[in-house]
Protein backbone atom coordinates (compact mmCIF):
# COMPACT_ATOMS: atom_id res chain seq x y z
CA MET A 1 -0.14 0.07 -0.16
CA SER A 2 1.25 3.42 -0.71
CA GLU A 3 1.11 6.39 1.45
CA SER A 4 -0.69 8.70 -0.96
CA ALA A 5 -3.71 5.99 -1.03
CA TYR A 6 -4.71 8.01 2.05
CA ASN A 7 -3.07 11.42 1.34
CA SER A 8 -0.66 11.02 4.33
CA PRO A 9 2.96 12.39 4.67
CA LEU A 10 5.68 10.07 4.68
CA LEU A 11 6.54 8.49 8.00
CA THR A 12 9.37 5.88 8.83
CA ARG A 13 8.82 3.25 11.37
CA ARG A 14 10.43 0.01 12.40
CA LEU A 15 8.59 -3.25 12.81
CA THR A 16 9.82 -5.93 14.76
CA ASP A 17 9.49 -9.46 13.53
CA SER A 18 7.26 -10.67 16.30
CA CYS A 19 4.84 -8.08 15.30
CA CYS A 20 4.22 -9.95 12.12
CA SER A 21 4.42 -13.38 13.11
CA SER A 22 2.94 -13.90 16.55
CA PRO A 23 -0.25 -15.90 16.28
CA ALA A 24 -1.44 -14.90 19.67
CA ARG A 25 -1.69 -11.28 18.20
CA SER A 26 -3.35 -12.01 15.04
CA ILE A 27 -7.06 -10.96 14.75
CA ARG A 28 -9.79 -13.56 13.99
CA SER A 29 -12.45 -12.38 11.92
CA HIS A 30 -15.43 -13.34 14.18
CA HIS A 31 -14.62 -11.81 17.44
CA ILE A 32 -13.24 -8.40 18.14
CA GLU A 33 -11.99 -9.59 21.59
CA ASP A 34 -9.62 -12.08 19.96
CA LEU A 35 -7.37 -9.07 19.33
CA THR A 36 -5.58 -9.85 22.70
CA ASP A 37 -4.45 -13.05 24.43
CA SER A 38 -6.88 -14.59 26.82
CA ASP A 39 -4.75 -13.54 29.72
CA GLY A 40 -4.49 -9.76 28.62
CA GLU A 41 -0.87 -10.08 27.32
CA GLY A 42 -1.76 -8.77 24.05
CA GLU A 43 -2.01 -5.18 25.29
CA GLN A 44 1.12 -5.22 27.28
CA LEU A 45 3.25 -6.42 24.38
CA PHE A 46 2.60 -2.99 22.72
CA THR A 47 3.38 -0.72 25.61
CA GLU A 48 4.42 2.70 24.55
CA THR A 49 7.66 4.25 25.91
CA PRO A 50 8.65 7.92 25.96
CA GLY A 51 10.95 9.07 23.13
CA THR A 52 12.79 12.26 22.01
CA PRO A 53 10.62 15.42 21.73
CA ASP A 54 10.15 14.60 17.78
CA GLN A 55 9.85 10.75 18.26
CA THR A 56 7.75 8.18 19.75
CA VAL A 57 9.06 4.66 20.27
CA ILE A 58 6.33 2.01 20.61
CA SER A 59 7.81 -1.40 21.57
CA GLY A 60 9.53 -2.43 18.38
CA TRP A 61 8.13 0.58 16.27
CA LEU A 62 10.20 3.69 15.71
CA LYS A 63 8.30 6.61 14.62
CA PHE A 64 9.63 9.88 13.32
CA ARG A 65 7.58 13.14 13.43
CA ASP A 66 3.86 13.18 13.78
CA ASN A 67 1.73 12.94 10.62
CA LYS A 68 -1.59 14.46 9.51
CA LYS A 69 -4.62 12.43 10.37
CA GLY A 70 -7.32 11.62 7.71
CA SER A 71 -10.85 10.99 8.19
CA TYR A 72 -10.50 7.49 9.53
CA GLY A 73 -6.81 6.66 9.75
CA THR A 74 -3.25 7.22 8.48
CA VAL A 75 -1.04 5.17 6.48
CA SER A 76 2.91 5.15 7.33
CA LYS A 77 5.75 3.85 5.36
CA CYS A 78 7.57 1.29 7.71
CA GLU A 79 10.71 -0.96 7.68
CA HIS A 80 10.80 -4.48 8.85
CA ILE A 81 14.00 -4.78 10.68
CA PRO A 82 14.96 -8.56 10.22
CA THR A 83 14.43 -8.43 6.57
CA GLY A 84 15.06 -4.55 5.78
CA GLU A 85 11.73 -4.77 3.74
CA THR A 86 9.23 -1.90 3.56
CA VAL A 87 5.72 -2.24 4.50
CA ALA A 88 2.84 0.08 5.02
CA VAL A 89 0.95 0.40 8.13
CA LYS A 90 -2.58 1.74 8.37
CA LYS A 91 -3.56 3.11 11.84
CA PHE A 92 -7.31 3.63 12.35
CA LEU A 93 -8.21 6.84 14.59
CA GLU A 94 -9.89 6.48 18.02
CA THR A 95 -11.32 3.04 17.15
CA GLU A 96 -12.72 2.32 20.55
CA GLU A 97 -14.37 5.65 21.00
CA ASN A 98 -15.53 6.22 17.29
CA ALA A 99 -18.12 3.62 16.29
CA THR A 100 -17.89 4.33 12.77
CA SER A 101 -14.06 3.95 12.58
CA ARG A 102 -14.23 0.76 14.60
CA LYS A 103 -16.80 -0.74 12.04
CA MET A 104 -14.60 0.23 9.32
CA ALA A 105 -11.42 -1.32 10.78
CA VAL A 106 -12.96 -4.46 11.63
CA ARG A 107 -14.86 -4.70 8.32
CA GLU A 108 -11.59 -4.20 6.31
CA ILE A 109 -9.68 -6.94 8.39
CA ARG A 110 -12.37 -9.24 7.81
CA MET A 111 -12.46 -8.70 4.27
CA LEU A 112 -8.87 -8.95 3.59
CA LYS A 113 -8.61 -12.08 5.62
CA ARG A 114 -11.31 -13.71 3.32
CA LEU A 115 -10.16 -12.23 0.01
CA LYS A 116 -6.91 -13.69 -1.56
CA HIS A 117 -5.92 -12.60 -5.03
CA GLU A 118 -3.01 -11.29 -6.90
CA ASN A 119 -4.67 -8.20 -7.85
CA LEU A 120 -5.78 -7.25 -4.16
CA VAL A 121 -3.36 -5.76 -1.70
CA THR A 122 -2.08 -8.21 0.83
CA MET A 123 -2.63 -7.92 4.48
CA VAL A 124 0.50 -9.06 6.34
CA HIS A 125 -0.73 -8.62 9.88
CA SER A 126 -3.10 -6.81 11.96
CA PHE A 127 -3.32 -5.97 15.74
CA ARG A 128 -4.50 -3.58 18.37
CA HIS A 129 -2.62 -1.18 20.53
CA ARG A 130 -4.03 1.52 22.95
CA LYS A 131 -7.61 0.94 21.71
CA ARG A 132 -6.74 1.52 17.96
CA PHE A 133 -6.37 -1.01 15.15
CA PHE A 134 -3.39 -1.49 13.04
CA ILE A 135 -3.09 -3.26 9.69
CA VAL A 136 0.12 -4.14 8.05
CA PHE A 137 0.17 -4.25 4.32
CA GLU A 138 2.69 -4.99 1.42
CA TYR A 139 4.17 -1.61 0.42
CA LEU A 140 3.41 -0.59 -3.33
CA GLU A 141 5.18 2.48 -4.52
CA ARG A 142 2.54 4.52 -6.26
CA THR A 143 -1.25 4.77 -7.23
CA VAL A 144 -3.43 5.46 -10.35
CA TYR A 145 -4.05 8.90 -8.68
CA ASP A 146 -0.06 9.52 -8.72
CA GLU A 147 0.22 8.35 -12.37
CA LEU A 148 -2.53 10.84 -13.35
CA GLN A 149 -0.80 13.60 -11.57
CA LEU A 150 2.33 12.95 -13.46
CA SER A 151 0.34 12.59 -16.70
CA PRO A 152 -2.29 15.22 -16.98
CA VAL A 153 -3.14 14.40 -20.55
CA GLY A 154 -3.94 10.62 -19.68
CA LEU A 155 -2.15 7.42 -19.51
CA GLY A 156 -3.06 6.39 -23.02
CA GLU A 157 -5.10 3.56 -24.06
CA ARG A 158 -2.60 0.77 -23.99
CA LYS A 159 -1.61 1.40 -20.15
CA SER A 160 -5.17 2.23 -19.12
CA LYS A 161 -6.29 -1.13 -20.74
CA GLU A 162 -3.53 -2.96 -18.67
CA ILE A 163 -4.56 -1.35 -15.42
CA ILE A 164 -8.38 -1.62 -15.80
CA PHE A 165 -8.04 -5.17 -16.99
CA GLN A 166 -6.36 -5.97 -13.44
CA VAL A 167 -8.97 -3.96 -11.62
CA LEU A 168 -11.51 -5.99 -13.42
CA ARG A 169 -9.88 -9.08 -12.24
CA ALA A 170 -9.87 -8.10 -8.74
CA ILE A 171 -13.51 -6.93 -8.59
CA SER A 172 -14.75 -10.00 -10.39
CA TYR A 173 -13.13 -12.10 -7.71
CA CYS A 174 -14.64 -9.96 -5.17
CA HIS A 175 -18.23 -10.09 -6.81
CA LYS A 176 -17.90 -14.01 -7.14
CA ASN A 177 -17.32 -13.97 -3.36
CA ARG A 178 -20.43 -11.80 -2.78
CA ILE A 179 -18.44 -8.58 -1.82
CA ILE A 180 -18.87 -5.22 -3.16
CA HIS A 181 -15.89 -2.65 -2.77
CA ARG A 182 -17.95 0.35 -2.98
CA ASP A 183 -15.14 2.89 -3.15
CA ILE A 184 -13.27 2.37 -6.42
CA LYS A 185 -11.22 5.47 -7.35
CA PRO A 186 -7.77 6.43 -8.51
CA GLU A 187 -6.38 6.60 -5.04
CA ASN A 188 -7.38 3.00 -4.08
CA ILE A 189 -5.54 1.42 -6.94
CA LEU A 190 -2.06 0.81 -6.22
CA ILE A 191 0.63 -0.07 -8.70
CA SER A 192 3.87 -1.87 -7.91
CA SER A 193 7.32 -1.10 -9.42
CA VAL A 194 6.86 -3.64 -11.98
CA GLY A 195 3.42 -2.66 -12.95
CA VAL A 196 1.08 -5.14 -10.80
CA VAL A 197 -2.03 -3.32 -9.81
CA LYS A 198 -3.59 -4.19 -6.57
CA VAL A 199 -6.90 -2.70 -5.29
CA CYS A 200 -7.15 -1.58 -1.62
CA ASP A 201 -9.03 0.14 0.94
CA PHE A 202 -11.98 -2.23 1.88
CA GLY A 203 -13.33 0.04 4.61
CA PHE A 204 -16.37 0.53 2.60
CA ALA A 205 -16.95 -2.94 1.25
CA ARG A 206 -19.79 -5.27 2.47
CA ILE A 207 -21.02 -8.66 1.98
CA LEU A 208 -24.25 -8.98 -0.45
CA SER A 209 -27.07 -11.12 1.09
CA ILE A 210 -28.75 -13.45 -1.27
CA SER A 211 -32.06 -11.65 -0.73
CA PRO A 212 -32.43 -7.97 -1.57
CA GLU A 213 -31.36 -5.84 1.25
CA VAL A 214 -31.10 -1.96 2.18
CA CYS A 215 -27.50 -0.72 2.03
CA THR A 216 -25.87 2.31 3.16
CA GLU A 217 -26.58 5.25 0.84
CA TYR A 218 -23.29 7.38 1.60
CA VAL A 219 -20.52 5.28 0.01
CA ALA A 220 -17.95 6.00 -2.78
CA THR A 221 -16.39 9.31 -3.52
CA ARG A 222 -18.93 11.59 -5.52
CA TRP A 223 -17.37 11.59 -8.92
CA TYR A 224 -17.45 7.79 -9.11
CA ARG A 225 -20.94 7.21 -7.61
CA ALA A 226 -23.48 5.60 -9.78
CA PRO A 227 -26.86 7.18 -10.37
CA GLU A 228 -28.68 5.02 -7.87
CA LEU A 229 -26.11 6.22 -5.13
CA VAL A 230 -26.45 9.86 -6.32
CA ILE A 231 -30.32 9.73 -5.96
CA LYS A 232 -29.92 7.83 -2.76
CA ASP A 233 -31.46 4.51 -3.82
CA ARG A 234 -30.66 2.24 -0.91
CA CYS A 235 -31.14 -0.94 -2.84
CA TYR A 236 -28.24 -1.45 -5.11
CA GLY A 237 -25.72 -4.14 -5.82
CA THR A 238 -22.35 -5.02 -7.81
CA GLY A 239 -23.59 -2.34 -10.48
CA VAL A 240 -22.05 0.50 -8.20
CA ASP A 241 -18.42 -1.18 -8.74
CA ILE A 242 -18.98 -1.49 -12.54
CA TRP A 243 -19.93 2.11 -12.83
CA ALA A 244 -16.86 3.29 -10.95
CA ILE A 245 -14.78 1.07 -13.03
CA GLY A 246 -16.10 2.96 -16.13
CA CYS A 247 -15.42 6.48 -14.69
CA LEU A 248 -11.91 5.17 -13.81
CA SER A 249 -11.24 3.92 -17.34
CA ALA A 250 -12.39 7.00 -19.12
CA GLU A 251 -10.25 9.24 -16.62
CA MET A 252 -7.15 7.21 -17.20
CA VAL A 253 -7.41 7.57 -20.97
CA ASN A 254 -7.55 11.53 -21.08
CA GLY A 255 -6.53 12.43 -17.63
CA MET A 256 -9.84 14.21 -16.78
CA PRO A 257 -12.53 12.95 -14.39
CA LEU A 258 -15.72 11.84 -16.21
CA PHE A 259 -18.36 13.44 -13.93
CA PRO A 260 -16.54 15.84 -11.63
CA GLY A 261 -19.76 17.18 -9.78
CA GLU A 262 -19.41 19.66 -6.96
CA THR A 263 -22.80 18.55 -5.40
CA ASP A 264 -25.21 15.54 -5.79
CA ILE A 265 -27.32 17.68 -8.08
CA ASP A 266 -24.36 18.71 -10.09
CA GLN A 267 -23.16 15.35 -10.33
CA PHE A 268 -26.66 13.94 -11.56
CA TYR A 269 -26.57 16.88 -14.17
CA LEU A 270 -23.37 15.64 -15.56
CA ILE A 271 -24.55 12.17 -15.84
CA VAL A 272 -27.71 12.95 -17.50
CA LYS A 273 -25.86 15.33 -19.98
CA LEU A 274 -23.70 12.56 -21.14
CA LEU A 275 -25.74 9.37 -20.87
CA GLY A 276 -29.32 10.62 -21.04
CA THR A 277 -32.58 10.00 -19.19
CA PRO A 278 -32.59 7.78 -15.95
CA CYS A 279 -34.09 4.35 -15.80
CA ARG A 280 -37.90 4.01 -14.96
CA LYS A 281 -37.24 3.00 -11.40
CA HIS A 282 -34.97 6.03 -10.69
CA GLN A 283 -37.42 8.39 -12.34
CA LYS A 284 -40.00 7.36 -9.79
CA LEU A 285 -37.38 7.98 -7.09
CA LEU A 286 -36.55 11.32 -8.55
CA HIS A 287 -40.14 12.61 -8.15
CA ARG A 288 -39.41 12.84 -4.35
CA ASN A 289 -36.89 15.51 -5.06
CA ALA A 290 -38.00 18.39 -7.22
CA ASN A 291 -34.36 19.66 -7.99
CA PHE A 292 -33.34 16.32 -9.45
CA ARG A 293 -36.44 15.93 -11.44
CA LYS A 294 -36.02 19.20 -13.14
CA ILE A 295 -32.57 18.00 -14.52
CA TYR A 296 -33.94 15.17 -16.51
CA GLU A 297 -37.27 16.65 -17.18
CA LYS A 298 -35.61 19.47 -18.97
CA PRO A 299 -32.78 17.95 -20.86
CA SER A 300 -29.65 19.99 -21.92
CA GLU A 301 -27.62 19.52 -24.85
CA ARG A 302 -26.18 16.18 -25.00
CA ILE A 303 -22.59 15.00 -25.76
CA SER A 304 -21.48 11.66 -26.57
CA LEU A 305 -18.80 9.35 -25.29
CA GLU A 306 -17.25 9.35 -28.83
CA GLU A 307 -17.07 13.25 -28.57
CA TYR A 308 -15.68 13.16 -25.09
CA LEU A 309 -13.06 10.51 -26.09
CA PRO A 310 -12.30 11.19 -29.77
CA SER A 311 -8.76 9.30 -29.70
CA SER A 312 -10.38 6.23 -28.02
CA SER A 313 -10.80 2.80 -30.24
CA ARG A 314 -14.38 1.67 -30.96
CA GLU A 315 -13.86 -1.16 -28.58
CA ALA A 316 -12.91 1.11 -25.65
CA ILE A 317 -15.98 3.34 -26.37
CA ASP A 318 -18.24 0.12 -26.34
CA PHE A 319 -16.51 -1.19 -23.06
CA LEU A 320 -17.25 2.36 -21.51
CA GLU A 321 -20.92 2.17 -22.57
CA LYS A 322 -21.33 -1.42 -21.17
CA CYS A 323 -20.10 0.04 -17.98
CA LEU A 324 -22.15 3.39 -17.91
CA ARG A 325 -25.52 2.23 -18.52
CA MET A 326 -28.05 4.10 -16.38
CA ASN A 327 -29.82 1.14 -15.53
CA PRO A 328 -27.73 -0.96 -13.23
CA GLU A 329 -29.49 -4.19 -14.03
CA LYS A 330 -28.07 -3.50 -17.73
CA ARG A 331 -24.53 -3.14 -16.80
CA LEU A 332 -22.38 -5.96 -17.78
CA SER A 333 -20.82 -8.00 -14.98
CA ALA A 334 -17.21 -7.83 -14.13
CA HIS A 335 -16.75 -11.47 -15.57
CA GLU A 336 -18.85 -10.47 -18.73
CA LEU A 337 -16.44 -7.40 -19.09
CA LEU A 338 -13.32 -9.42 -18.84
CA SER A 339 -14.66 -11.16 -22.05
CA HIS A 340 -15.23 -8.11 -23.90
CA ASP A 341 -13.62 -7.36 -27.32
CA TYR A 342 -11.59 -4.59 -25.60
CA PHE A 343 -9.57 -7.39 -23.95
CA THR A 344 -10.01 -10.24 -26.22
CA ASN A 345 -9.05 -8.77 -29.59
CA ASP A 346 -5.38 -9.52 -30.71
CA GLU A 347 -5.40 -11.88 -27.77
CA PHE A 348 -4.52 -9.10 -25.31
CA SER A 349 -5.70 -10.99 -22.19
CA VAL A 350 -4.18 -14.31 -23.00
CA LYS A 351 -0.72 -12.57 -23.70
CA PHE A 352 -0.98 -10.10 -20.70
CA LEU A 353 -1.84 -12.85 -18.34
CA VAL A 354 1.44 -14.57 -18.97
CA THR A 355 3.50 -11.49 -18.45
CA LEU A 356 1.59 -10.46 -15.39
CA ARG A 357 2.15 -13.75 -13.70
CA ALA A 358 5.83 -13.59 -14.26
CA LYS A 359 5.78 -10.21 -12.33
CA VAL A 360 3.57 -11.46 -9.65
CA GLU A 361 5.87 -14.51 -9.14
CA ALA A 362 8.82 -12.13 -8.89
CA GLU A 363 7.14 -10.01 -6.10
CA PHE A 364 6.83 -13.08 -4.17
CA SER A 365 10.61 -13.39 -3.73
CA SER A 366 9.69 -10.99 -0.56
CA PRO A 367 10.04 -12.95 2.60
CA LEU A 368 7.18 -11.39 4.16
CA LEU A 369 4.81 -11.98 1.03
CA ASN A 370 6.22 -15.39 0.39
CA LYS A 371 4.27 -17.25 2.93
CA PHE A 372 1.11 -16.10 1.46
CA LYS A 373 2.06 -17.23 -2.15
CA SER A 374 0.61 -20.53 -2.48
CA GLU A 375 -2.82 -19.36 -0.97
CA ILE A 376 -2.88 -16.35 -3.25
CA LEU A 377 -1.86 -18.08 -6.42
CA ARG A 378 -4.26 -20.95 -5.78
CA SER A 379 -7.37 -18.52 -5.29
CA THR A 380 -6.44 -16.61 -8.31
CA ASP A 381 -6.00 -19.68 -10.51
CA ARG A 382 -9.47 -20.83 -9.28
CA ALA A 383 -10.85 -17.42 -10.39
CA ASP A 384 -9.29 -17.61 -13.77
CA GLU A 385 -10.66 -21.04 -14.09
CA TYR A 386 -14.29 -19.82 -13.40
CA GLN A 387 -13.80 -17.10 -15.66
CA LYS A 388 -12.70 -19.10 -18.61
CA ARG A 389 -15.52 -21.70 -18.00
CA VAL A 390 -18.01 -18.92 -18.05
CA SER A 391 -16.62 -17.48 -21.27
CA GLN A 392 -16.66 -20.97 -23.03
CA ASP A 393 -20.26 -21.58 -21.90
CA LYS A 394 -21.27 -18.14 -23.22
CA SER A 395 -19.59 -18.67 -26.55
CA ARG A 396 -21.32 -22.11 -26.99
CA TRP A 397 -24.48 -20.72 -26.07
CA SER A 398 -23.93 -17.81 -28.61
CA ILE A 399 -22.98 -20.40 -31.37
CA THR A 400 -25.96 -22.56 -30.47
CA LEU A 401 -28.38 -19.43 -30.86
CA THR A 402 -26.89 -18.52 -33.96
CA GLU A 403 -27.26 -22.06 -35.51
CA SER A 404 -30.92 -22.03 -34.19
CA LEU A 405 -31.69 -18.45 -35.81
CA TYR A 406 -30.03 -19.67 -39.01
CA LEU A 407 -32.20 -22.76 -39.12
CA GLN A 408 -35.35 -21.00 -38.58
CA GLU A 409 -34.77 -18.47 -41.27
CA HIS A 410 -33.37 -20.56 -44.09
CA VAL A 411 -34.54 -24.42 -43.51
CA ASP A 412 -37.98 -25.51 -44.05
CA THR A 413 -39.17 -27.29 -40.92
CA ASN A 414 -40.42 -30.39 -43.30
CA THR A 415 -36.88 -30.66 -44.69
CA THR A 416 -34.71 -33.49 -43.92
CA LEU A 417 -31.25 -32.12 -42.91
CA PRO A 418 -28.31 -34.13 -44.53
CA ASN A 419 -25.86 -36.11 -42.05
């Protein structure tokens, strides 16, 4: 994880080996109390001791300078003493006193213990100290946000395709496990030094129930919120992640946010201007709010995606259209998008996966990450096999349907077909 994922300044700390290996201080997902030993020793092992005026020493941690606090936590760059490896440590603020912060911390730890994929950030360890939760992650050098800052005119279609393909693999895996991320944005997409992309920050993620369920309405950063979130429809699903992926993809191509709304009403206006009238379900919801209703009842001059992204290929535009459908039920799923022509033409996905695996294998040379290697690769391979099987089934169904239509149009039902 990179510091810029949470917009925090650089810190340097040192982490003892016991901090990353002691099973007594590992967190189990089903009980918060499991953060400490049964005899209470867990808290004592992280006793804070005085340091110099500009330093604070916490057991085996060495922290230089105080850093700026974010809304829910800060991320620090740290050094693991025995290996000399760099890790990232996320500290949640006032976990015990702040119910929201506590809920986000526990949710993120549970999610990351459950999800293992080469395009998801790896959690190395988690523990509690002085009523605050800490999560230790692998360290990645930069984010998509950093890349866009360095390239104001965009990353180009090829690089954008490589990044969004990896994001889709991660989100497809999450959705297959009935988990929606709900906060996909440039700051939460990490990139390693060799180009491996990893999705991070599962503080807003949630598990989807089998039956329809009311969800929190305030999730995701405004620019990447799907229409259903903007108008506060509390019954939504995986489509909110697909919409955010479409927004992210368009932004990477030309360097400009697709819907940079300053308010929810402004956000909705920009969406309608580019994509047209909301679906019927959302129109009914809009009747409750006169300000929203005026936007789609009095349409402004529309622009098209082709006009907005004139240098993009036909496949890229079609991919965006499939992500950015106003009706969430008509957006393609993540695994369907992975089979889109945007990725299958010229065998891009087949060739890129070979290159990607070599890069991932190289990153597992890290002693801290190596112990997770078999579990992550096995889980990723299972997800890839599922993706391949679904694509093949879809292809066979498509061929069967085409043959059926041809027979209906060209063959008399009383005619005997040749063997």
